[in-house]
Amino acid sequence: MINYILWDIDNTLLNFDLAEEASMINGFEKFGIKVTDENALLGYKK
């Protein structure tokens, strides 16, 4: 049961990371800033 809870927490955090990255990419594209790869995206993160 603990393994399942830990897996669920990890999966939830991964989903938040993916959602945050997708929203950042959409925001940049909305304002005409091209994000070509993950390294370029990491440059904009604080």
N, C-alpha and C. Protein backbone atom coordinates (compact mmCIF):
# COMPACT_ATOMS: atom_id res chain seq x y z
N MET A 1 0.82 -1.20 0.00
CA MET A 1 0.00 0.00 0.00
C MET A 1 0.87 1.26 0.00
N ILE A 2 1.94 1.23 0.77
CA ILE A 2 2.83 2.40 0.80
C ILE A 2 3.46 2.61 -0.57
N ASN A 3 3.85 1.52 -1.23
CA ASN A 3 4.42 1.66 -2.57
C ASN A 3 3.44 2.31 -3.52
N TYR A 4 2.18 1.94 -3.42
CA TYR A 4 1.16 2.52 -4.29
C TYR A 4 0.99 4.01 -3.99
N ILE A 5 0.99 4.37 -2.71
CA ILE A 5 0.84 5.78 -2.33
C ILE A 5 2.02 6.59 -2.85
N LEU A 6 3.24 6.06 -2.68
CA LEU A 6 4.42 6.78 -3.17
C LEU A 6 4.40 6.89 -4.69
N TRP A 7 3.98 5.81 -5.38
CA TRP A 7 3.88 5.87 -6.84
C TRP A 7 2.87 6.93 -7.25
N ASP A 8 1.75 6.99 -6.55
CA ASP A 8 0.70 7.97 -6.87
C ASP A 8 1.21 9.39 -6.68
N ILE A 9 1.97 9.62 -5.62
CA ILE A 9 2.54 10.95 -5.38
C ILE A 9 3.52 11.31 -6.49
N ASP A 10 4.41 10.38 -6.85
CA ASP A 10 5.37 10.63 -7.93
C ASP A 10 4.64 10.91 -9.24
N ASN A 11 3.62 10.13 -9.54
CA ASN A 11 2.87 10.30 -10.78
C ASN A 11 2.16 11.66 -10.79
N THR A 12 1.62 12.07 -9.66
CA THR A 12 0.94 13.36 -9.58
C THR A 12 1.93 14.50 -9.79
N LEU A 13 3.10 14.41 -9.17
CA LEU A 13 4.11 15.45 -9.35
C LEU A 13 4.58 15.51 -10.79
N LEU A 14 4.73 14.36 -11.43
CA LEU A 14 5.13 14.33 -12.83
C LEU A 14 4.07 14.99 -13.69
N ASN A 15 2.80 14.72 -13.41
CA ASN A 15 1.72 15.35 -14.17
C ASN A 15 1.73 16.86 -14.00
N PHE A 16 2.02 17.35 -12.79
CA PHE A 16 2.10 18.80 -12.57
C PHE A 16 3.26 19.39 -13.36
N ASP A 17 4.41 18.70 -13.39
CA ASP A 17 5.56 19.18 -14.15
C ASP A 17 5.24 19.26 -15.64
N LEU A 18 4.60 18.23 -16.16
CA LEU A 18 4.24 18.23 -17.58
C LEU A 18 3.23 19.32 -17.90
N ALA A 19 2.27 19.51 -17.01
CA ALA A 19 1.27 20.56 -17.23
C ALA A 19 1.91 21.94 -17.18
N GLU A 20 2.84 22.13 -16.24
CA GLU A 20 3.52 23.42 -16.15
C GLU A 20 4.34 23.69 -17.40
N GLU A 21 5.06 22.68 -17.87
CA GLU A 21 5.87 22.85 -19.07
C GLU A 21 4.99 23.15 -20.28
N ALA A 22 3.87 22.45 -20.41
CA ALA A 22 2.97 22.68 -21.54
C ALA A 22 2.37 24.08 -21.48
N SER A 23 2.03 24.55 -20.29
CA SER A 23 1.45 25.89 -20.18
C SER A 23 2.49 26.95 -20.50
N MET A 24 3.75 26.71 -20.10
CA MET A 24 4.80 27.67 -20.43
C MET A 24 5.02 27.73 -21.93
N ILE A 25 5.06 26.57 -22.58
CA ILE A 25 5.26 26.54 -24.03
C ILE A 25 4.11 27.25 -24.73
N ASN A 26 2.88 26.98 -24.30
CA ASN A 26 1.72 27.64 -24.90
C ASN A 26 1.78 29.14 -24.69
N GLY A 27 2.22 29.57 -23.52
CA GLY A 27 2.32 31.00 -23.23
C GLY A 27 3.36 31.67 -24.11
N PHE A 28 4.50 31.02 -24.28
CA PHE A 28 5.54 31.59 -25.13
C PHE A 28 5.07 31.68 -26.57
N GLU A 29 4.42 30.62 -27.06
CA GLU A 29 3.94 30.62 -28.44
C GLU A 29 2.86 31.68 -28.63
N LYS A 30 2.06 31.90 -27.60
CA LYS A 30 1.00 32.90 -27.69
C LYS A 30 1.58 34.29 -27.92
N PHE A 31 2.75 34.55 -27.30
CA PHE A 31 3.38 35.86 -27.45
C PHE A 31 4.44 35.89 -28.54
N GLY A 32 4.49 34.83 -29.34
CA GLY A 32 5.39 34.80 -30.48
C GLY A 32 6.82 34.42 -30.16
N ILE A 33 7.06 33.88 -28.97
CA ILE A 33 8.41 33.43 -28.61
C ILE A 33 8.49 31.94 -28.90
N LYS A 34 9.43 31.56 -29.74
CA LYS A 34 9.55 30.15 -30.10
C LYS A 34 10.41 29.42 -29.08
N VAL A 35 9.92 28.27 -28.65
CA VAL A 35 10.67 27.39 -27.77
C VAL A 35 10.96 26.14 -28.57
N THR A 36 12.24 25.92 -28.87
CA THR A 36 12.58 24.82 -29.77
C THR A 36 12.94 23.53 -29.06
N ASP A 37 13.45 23.63 -27.84
CA ASP A 37 13.81 22.40 -27.13
C ASP A 37 13.72 22.62 -25.62
N GLU A 38 13.97 21.55 -24.90
CA GLU A 38 13.85 21.60 -23.44
C GLU A 38 14.89 22.54 -22.83
N ASN A 39 16.08 22.61 -23.41
CA ASN A 39 17.11 23.49 -22.86
C ASN A 39 16.71 24.96 -22.98
N ALA A 40 16.07 25.31 -24.07
CA ALA A 40 15.60 26.68 -24.23
C ALA A 40 14.51 26.97 -23.21
N LEU A 41 13.65 26.01 -22.97
CA LEU A 41 12.59 26.17 -22.00
C LEU A 41 13.16 26.32 -20.60
N LEU A 42 14.19 25.55 -20.26
CA LEU A 42 14.80 25.63 -18.93
C LEU A 42 15.42 27.00 -18.70
N GLY A 43 15.85 27.67 -19.76
CA GLY A 43 16.41 29.00 -19.62
C GLY A 43 15.40 30.02 -19.15
N TYR A 44 14.12 29.78 -19.37
CA TYR A 44 13.08 30.71 -18.96
C TYR A 44 12.54 30.42 -17.57
N LYS A 45 12.82 29.22 -17.04
CA LYS A 45 12.33 28.87 -15.71
C LYS A 45 13.16 29.56 -14.65
N LYS A 46 12.51 29.87 -13.56
CA LYS A 46 13.24 30.52 -12.46
C LYS A 46 13.79 29.50 -11.51
